[in-house]
Each structure stands twice: as structure tokens, then as C-alpha cells.
Amino acid sequence: MSGAGAMTADAASPPSPPFAAGSVRLSALVVARNEAARLPACLATLGFADEIVVVLDRTTDGSAGIARAAGALVLEGEWELEGARRNAGIAACTGDWILEVDADEQVESALAAEIRAVIAASPHGWHTVRLDNYIGTRLVRHGWAGSFGTSAKPVLFRRGAKRWRDQRVHPGLERQGSEGPRLARGALAHYVDRDISDMLRRLDRYSSAKAADLLASGDIGSLAGNLRRCVTRGWKSYVSRKGYREGGWGVLLAFCTAAFPLLSYLKARLEPEKHRPLQVRPGTATSAGMPDADPPP
């Protein structure tokens, strides 16, 4: 697997909740790095799953102990690429269906109930789930677009129906089977940024990782092309996705959405020595171009 380094996993699967024999099994997958502050709240909402798998990438805090105390199977290792570490987690899951969440997300009870009902009868390969995105305590429903945020994700899928591509930030997806209806009840509560400064730091991290992807691809694009993307993405966020309904928060979100592709290009073009991916030796990993985990709230 490209980008994977040394890796260890717990020897046994965690105990499963007492669902009826022969019922469809659900795995909840959490991929994290140094998320001890947010992991407990996330894991506390996953008790409806038959197993919990937690992938920890280069983690040095108490996340592993927190995950094991919650009954999770813990996979620890080093991955250069986001897609590779997410695929490692998917491979470790044993359920018929997988729910993929991040450490800064929490499953609402209505969504949990609908997930159990859907996987018991769905003939499809995957389903999209709504996200309620929070900046601090502010719920921002409109304006999420491009690579800076989304209001829905295909996080519920059959085992074998979803694979991430080998990229550092927002990797693409390869999916099999048909898309089912979007789940209508409840949402993933996503505590994406703590405040404006946190949002701007995320823009910096994401654009650095994207610059590394551009340099690795050998085609960073052009200034003219990325200026056009800057305009079209800002318009999509503020107008098409109705960011204007969020007042000043919508302006801020449109700014970050528009700046992301242009800033990524400029980093790759003007500072390639800072963002060019390093060669990875077998059994090791490098953090060059990788966004660090969000600091605790």
C-alpha cells in the first residue's frame, strides 16, 4: 500500500453490542492523529455499531488508551498519504457495512437509528449522510463547497464498495455498486473549526498538503487557470451554495473556498522546496506536505 509505514494492530476485535444473531454487522471507522481531546465525544456516539476501528497516524498523545477503553480495535502506524491510511482502516473492518467518521464528528441519535434501519434492507453500495458543520458554536449550513468543506459525504458503504486514492488531502474516491438515497434523519455533527483563526490555519495546512500533491503529480497548473478557479469557487460558495444566507460567516467561507486552489498553486510554484514530497524508504513515513492534526479545542 503506497505511503504506509510501520504498523501495529490490537490482536483481538472488541466485543460487539448484543444485536440479533445473523443481523447485518456495522463497523464504525475513525481515523485520527493526536485527537485525545475530541476522541471521547466521538466514540461515545458510536455504541450502536458492532465494532469500532480506530486508526492512529503518528499519534503521541493518549488517543490509543482512550480508544481501547471504549472497546475499539486500534491500528497504529505511519502513513504519508491520507488515502493510504484510510484504506488501511477500511481493510481492518470486518462488518458488512462501514461508517467512516472523523474524530471531530459525532453521530446524532436519529442518524444512528436510521443507519441501522438502512443497512438492514439497502441493496445499494453506499449512502450519503448530511453534515451539520460548526464553527465554534455557530452552525453554518450554507456555503460549503469545493475542497474546503462539504454539507454531505458518502460515509456509509458496504465493505469493498469504497476505496480512497493515494493523495494527501481530500483524496478522490473509487466506488462500486449503486448510490442509495441520502439518509434523511439526523446528521453528523462536525465541529470543523473552533474560530476564525482556526479556519485560517486549516486553510494553510490544506493548501500546503495540496501543493505537495500538485508537485507529486508533475502538473501544478497555471496562474490563469487557478485565478479562474478562485473566482468560480468563490461564486459557488457564496451564491450557488447560498453562503450569503450566513452573513459574515458566508463571506469568510467563500474567501477560504476561493483562496484554496490559488494558494495551493502559489505554494507549489513559489516555494517548491518547502512542499515537494520526500522519498519514503520502506518501513518509514514522512510528514512533508502533510496537514498536522487539529489541536485540541
Protein backbone atom coordinates (compact mmCIF):
# COMPACT_ATOMS: atom_id res chain seq x y z
CA MET A 1 0.00 0.00 0.00
CA SER A 2 1.55 3.29 -1.10
CA GLY A 3 2.52 5.58 1.73
CA ALA A 4 2.19 3.02 4.54
CA GLY A 5 4.90 2.67 7.13
CA ALA A 6 5.36 0.52 10.21
CA MET A 7 2.01 -0.56 11.56
CA THR A 8 0.70 -2.38 14.61
CA ALA A 9 -2.81 -3.55 15.48
CA ASP A 10 -4.52 -5.00 18.51
CA ALA A 11 -4.67 -8.77 18.43
CA ALA A 12 -8.39 -9.20 19.06
CA SER A 13 -11.55 -7.46 17.93
CA PRO A 14 -13.53 -5.53 20.54
CA PRO A 15 -16.71 -7.02 21.99
CA SER A 16 -19.80 -6.47 19.84
CA PRO A 17 -23.09 -5.00 21.05
CA PRO A 18 -25.85 -7.59 21.53
CA PHE A 19 -27.57 -7.45 18.15
CA ALA A 20 -29.58 -10.43 16.95
CA ALA A 21 -27.68 -13.37 15.52
CA GLY A 22 -27.47 -13.16 11.76
CA SER A 23 -28.11 -9.40 11.66
CA VAL A 24 -26.11 -7.17 9.33
CA ARG A 25 -22.89 -6.10 11.08
CA LEU A 26 -21.74 -2.49 11.11
CA SER A 27 -18.16 -1.28 11.60
CA ALA A 28 -17.51 2.31 12.70
CA LEU A 29 -14.14 3.60 11.45
CA VAL A 30 -12.36 6.61 12.97
CA VAL A 31 -9.07 7.91 11.53
CA ALA A 32 -7.22 10.34 13.79
CA ARG A 33 -3.91 11.87 14.80
CA ASN A 34 -3.38 13.28 18.31
CA GLU A 35 -7.11 13.72 18.96
CA ALA A 36 -7.27 12.82 22.67
CA ALA A 37 -9.36 15.91 23.40
CA ARG A 38 -12.09 15.15 20.85
CA LEU A 39 -11.98 11.37 20.54
CA PRO A 40 -14.04 10.53 23.67
CA ALA A 41 -17.08 12.52 22.48
CA CYS A 42 -16.85 10.95 19.02
CA LEU A 43 -16.54 7.38 20.32
CA ALA A 44 -19.39 7.90 22.78
CA THR A 45 -21.79 8.27 19.82
CA LEU A 46 -20.69 5.04 18.10
CA GLY A 47 -22.09 2.50 20.55
CA PHE A 48 -24.73 1.44 18.03
CA ALA A 49 -22.03 -0.14 15.82
CA ASP A 50 -20.98 -3.80 16.11
CA GLU A 51 -17.30 -2.88 16.15
CA ILE A 52 -15.21 0.27 16.30
CA VAL A 53 -11.87 0.52 14.48
CA VAL A 54 -9.59 3.47 15.26
CA VAL A 55 -6.61 4.23 13.00
CA LEU A 56 -3.95 6.39 14.67
CA ASP A 57 -1.37 8.03 12.41
CA ARG A 58 1.90 9.02 14.16
CA THR A 59 -0.01 9.67 17.37
CA THR A 60 1.88 10.67 20.51
CA ASP A 61 -0.94 11.62 22.90
CA GLY A 62 -3.36 9.41 24.84
CA SER A 63 -5.64 8.60 21.91
CA ALA A 64 -4.72 4.88 21.86
CA GLY A 65 -5.67 4.36 25.50
CA ILE A 66 -8.93 6.27 25.04
CA ALA A 67 -9.84 4.15 22.03
CA ARG A 68 -9.05 0.83 23.75
CA ALA A 69 -11.04 1.86 26.82
CA ALA A 70 -14.02 2.38 24.51
CA GLY A 71 -13.62 -1.20 23.21
CA ALA A 72 -12.13 -0.22 19.86
CA LEU A 73 -9.68 -2.16 17.73
CA VAL A 74 -6.67 0.16 17.43
CA LEU A 75 -4.42 0.29 14.36
CA GLU A 76 -1.27 2.38 14.85
CA GLY A 77 1.22 3.32 12.16
CA GLU A 78 2.69 5.93 9.85
CA TRP A 79 1.17 6.94 6.53
CA GLU A 80 2.37 9.67 4.20
CA LEU A 81 -0.93 9.79 2.30
CA GLU A 82 -4.39 10.35 3.71
CA GLY A 83 -5.87 7.92 1.20
CA ALA A 84 -3.48 5.13 2.27
CA ARG A 85 -4.23 5.42 5.97
CA ARG A 86 -7.99 5.49 5.36
CA ASN A 87 -7.71 2.40 3.16
CA ALA A 88 -5.77 0.66 5.94
CA GLY A 89 -8.67 1.33 8.29
CA ILE A 90 -11.24 0.07 5.80
CA ALA A 91 -9.23 -3.14 5.36
CA ALA A 92 -9.24 -3.69 9.14
CA CYS A 93 -13.04 -3.50 9.39
CA THR A 94 -14.95 -6.80 9.45
CA GLY A 95 -18.54 -5.54 9.26
CA ASP A 96 -20.85 -5.92 6.27
CA TRP A 97 -21.19 -2.13 6.25
CA ILE A 98 -18.75 0.60 7.32
CA LEU A 99 -19.49 4.05 8.73
CA GLU A 100 -16.46 6.31 8.34
CA VAL A 101 -16.30 9.28 10.70
CA ASP A 102 -13.62 11.72 11.81
CA ALA A 103 -12.62 12.45 15.40
CA ASP A 104 -14.23 15.91 15.21
CA GLU A 105 -17.60 14.40 14.22
CA GLN A 106 -20.40 12.97 16.35
CA VAL A 107 -23.31 10.78 15.21
CA GLU A 108 -26.70 12.12 16.25
CA SER A 109 -29.07 9.56 17.74
CA ALA A 110 -31.64 9.93 14.93
CA LEU A 111 -28.94 9.24 12.37
CA ALA A 112 -27.73 6.19 14.30
CA ALA A 113 -31.24 4.70 14.27
CA GLU A 114 -31.65 5.34 10.55
CA ILE A 115 -28.26 3.80 9.74
CA ARG A 116 -29.27 0.54 11.44
CA ALA A 117 -32.56 0.51 9.53
CA VAL A 118 -30.94 1.31 6.18
CA ILE A 119 -28.19 -1.31 6.28
CA ALA A 120 -30.73 -4.00 7.19
CA ALA A 121 -32.53 -3.57 3.86
CA SER A 122 -30.48 -1.47 1.42
CA PRO A 123 -29.48 -3.08 -1.91
CA HIS A 124 -27.07 -0.22 -2.69
CA GLY A 125 -23.32 0.19 -2.39
CA TRP A 126 -23.23 3.44 -0.44
CA HIS A 127 -25.31 6.23 1.05
CA THR A 128 -24.63 9.91 1.66
CA VAL A 129 -25.04 11.41 5.13
CA ARG A 130 -25.74 15.07 5.95
CA LEU A 131 -23.17 17.10 7.89
CA ASP A 132 -24.03 19.88 10.32
CA ASN A 133 -20.85 21.97 10.26
CA TYR A 134 -19.99 24.11 13.27
CA ILE A 135 -17.50 26.96 13.52
CA GLY A 136 -17.18 27.26 17.27
CA THR A 137 -20.79 27.08 18.48
CA ARG A 138 -22.20 28.53 15.24
CA LEU A 139 -24.00 26.08 12.95
CA VAL A 140 -23.12 27.11 9.39
CA ARG A 141 -25.45 25.28 7.00
CA HIS A 142 -24.75 27.12 3.75
CA GLY A 143 -21.70 27.93 1.63
CA TRP A 144 -19.67 24.72 1.95
CA ALA A 145 -18.12 23.95 -1.43
CA GLY A 146 -15.00 22.89 -3.29
CA SER A 147 -12.23 21.27 -1.27
CA PHE A 148 -12.70 23.40 1.84
CA GLY A 149 -15.85 21.77 3.16
CA THR A 150 -18.98 19.86 2.32
CA SER A 151 -22.53 19.56 3.61
CA ALA A 152 -22.82 15.82 2.87
CA LYS A 153 -20.44 12.85 2.50
CA PRO A 154 -20.72 9.22 1.28
CA VAL A 155 -19.57 7.81 4.62
CA LEU A 156 -21.91 4.79 4.87
CA PHE A 157 -20.90 2.00 2.49
CA ARG A 158 -20.69 -1.76 2.03
CA ARG A 159 -17.32 -3.32 2.74
CA GLY A 160 -15.49 -3.43 -0.60
CA ALA A 161 -17.56 -0.65 -2.20
CA LYS A 162 -15.24 2.28 -1.44
CA ARG A 163 -11.54 2.94 -1.87
CA TRP A 164 -9.58 6.16 -1.38
CA ARG A 165 -6.99 7.31 -3.92
CA ASP A 166 -3.40 7.97 -2.89
CA GLN A 167 -3.45 11.71 -2.17
CA ARG A 168 -2.51 13.84 0.84
CA VAL A 169 -5.61 15.98 1.30
CA HIS A 170 -9.20 15.32 0.23
CA PRO A 171 -8.26 12.25 -1.84
CA GLY A 172 -10.59 11.11 -4.59
CA LEU A 173 -12.81 8.06 -4.29
CA GLU A 174 -13.32 4.87 -6.25
CA ARG A 175 -16.74 3.31 -5.60
CA GLN A 176 -18.56 0.17 -6.65
CA GLY A 177 -22.28 -0.51 -6.69
CA SER A 178 -25.12 1.97 -6.86
CA GLU A 179 -25.74 5.08 -4.80
CA GLY A 180 -28.65 4.81 -2.40
CA PRO A 181 -30.92 7.60 -1.14
CA ARG A 182 -29.41 10.17 1.17
CA LEU A 183 -30.19 9.45 4.81
CA ALA A 184 -32.91 11.85 5.84
CA ARG A 185 -32.96 11.74 9.65
CA GLY A 186 -30.25 13.24 11.81
CA ALA A 187 -26.75 14.24 10.80
CA LEU A 188 -23.07 14.02 11.60
CA ALA A 189 -22.34 16.98 13.86
CA HIS A 190 -18.99 18.21 12.51
CA TYR A 191 -17.01 20.60 14.72
CA VAL A 192 -14.83 21.68 11.84
CA ASP A 193 -13.22 24.89 13.20
CA ARG A 194 -13.08 26.46 16.66
CA ASP A 195 -12.94 30.08 15.44
CA ILE A 196 -11.80 32.25 12.53
CA SER A 197 -8.12 31.83 13.34
CA ASP A 198 -8.56 28.06 13.37
CA MET A 199 -10.26 28.23 9.96
CA LEU A 200 -7.34 30.21 8.53
CA ARG A 201 -4.83 27.76 10.00
CA ARG A 202 -6.76 24.94 8.31
CA LEU A 203 -6.57 26.79 5.00
CA ASP A 204 -2.80 27.00 5.45
CA ARG A 205 -2.46 23.28 6.28
CA TYR A 206 -4.72 22.11 3.49
CA SER A 207 -3.05 24.28 0.86
CA SER A 208 0.40 23.01 1.89
CA ALA A 209 -0.76 19.41 1.53
CA LYS A 210 -2.39 20.19 -1.82
CA ALA A 211 0.82 21.84 -3.02
CA ALA A 212 2.66 18.58 -2.27
CA ASP A 213 0.06 16.66 -4.28
CA LEU A 214 0.45 19.07 -7.19
CA LEU A 215 4.24 18.71 -7.16
CA ALA A 216 3.98 14.93 -6.94
CA SER A 217 1.67 14.87 -9.97
CA GLY A 218 4.15 16.83 -12.10
CA ASP A 219 1.46 19.31 -13.16
CA ILE A 220 0.82 22.25 -10.86
CA GLY A 221 -1.42 24.04 -13.37
CA SER A 222 -1.20 27.69 -14.36
CA LEU A 223 -1.72 31.05 -12.71
CA ALA A 224 -4.53 31.93 -15.13
CA GLY A 225 -6.31 28.63 -14.56
CA ASN A 226 -6.15 28.93 -10.79
CA LEU A 227 -7.31 32.55 -10.88
CA ARG A 228 -10.38 31.33 -12.76
CA ARG A 229 -10.92 28.58 -10.17
CA CYS A 230 -10.60 31.17 -7.44
CA VAL A 231 -13.48 33.16 -8.94
CA THR A 232 -15.71 30.20 -9.79
CA ARG A 233 -15.27 28.54 -6.39
CA GLY A 234 -15.94 31.77 -4.53
CA TRP A 235 -19.11 32.26 -6.59
CA LYS A 236 -20.19 28.67 -5.99
CA SER A 237 -19.74 29.03 -2.24
CA TYR A 238 -21.38 32.42 -1.79
CA VAL A 239 -24.09 32.30 -4.46
CA SER A 240 -24.80 28.75 -5.68
CA ARG A 241 -24.46 27.20 -2.21
CA LYS A 242 -26.21 30.20 -0.62
CA GLY A 243 -23.38 31.28 1.64
CA TYR A 244 -24.91 34.78 1.59
CA ARG A 245 -27.56 33.43 3.99
CA GLU A 246 -24.87 33.07 6.68
CA GLY A 247 -23.95 36.77 6.74
CA GLY A 248 -20.29 37.44 7.53
CA TRP A 249 -19.63 33.73 8.09
CA GLY A 250 -20.64 33.11 4.48
CA VAL A 251 -18.21 35.78 3.28
CA LEU A 252 -15.41 34.18 5.28
CA LEU A 253 -16.25 30.70 3.98
CA ALA A 254 -16.37 31.93 0.37
CA PHE A 255 -12.99 33.61 0.84
CA CYS A 256 -11.34 30.41 2.10
CA THR A 257 -13.03 28.27 -0.56
CA ALA A 258 -11.84 30.63 -3.30
CA ALA A 259 -8.32 31.00 -1.90
CA PHE A 260 -7.63 27.28 -1.50
CA PRO A 261 -6.73 26.35 -5.14
CA LEU A 262 -4.84 29.59 -5.80
CA LEU A 263 -2.85 29.40 -2.56
CA SER A 264 -2.02 25.73 -3.24
CA TYR A 265 -0.72 26.63 -6.71
CA LEU A 266 1.33 29.58 -5.43
CA LYS A 267 2.98 27.45 -2.74
CA ALA A 268 3.90 24.82 -5.33
CA ARG A 269 5.10 27.46 -7.80
CA LEU A 270 6.97 29.84 -5.47
CA GLU A 271 8.15 27.54 -2.65
CA PRO A 272 8.55 24.05 -4.15
CA GLU A 273 11.48 23.25 -1.86
CA LYS A 274 9.16 23.57 1.17
CA HIS A 275 6.39 21.36 -0.18
CA ARG A 276 7.96 18.84 -2.50
CA PRO A 277 7.27 15.31 -1.15
CA LEU A 278 10.28 13.45 0.22
CA GLN A 279 11.21 9.96 -0.86
CA VAL A 280 9.89 7.41 1.60
CA ARG A 281 12.03 4.40 2.50
CA PRO A 282 10.31 1.07 3.23
CA GLY A 283 9.05 0.92 6.81
CA THR A 284 9.11 4.71 7.27
CA ALA A 285 6.92 7.68 6.50
CA THR A 286 7.42 11.38 6.07
CA SER A 287 5.19 14.24 7.10
CA ALA A 288 6.36 16.52 4.27
CA GLY A 289 3.33 18.27 2.86
CA MET A 290 1.01 16.65 5.41
CA PRO A 291 -1.50 18.72 7.37
CA ASP A 292 -0.99 18.24 11.09
CA ALA A 293 -3.91 17.14 13.21
CA ASP A 294 -6.09 19.92 14.53
CA PRO A 295 -5.02 20.95 18.03
CA PRO A 296 -7.49 20.22 20.82
CA PRO A 297 -10.34 22.70 21.34
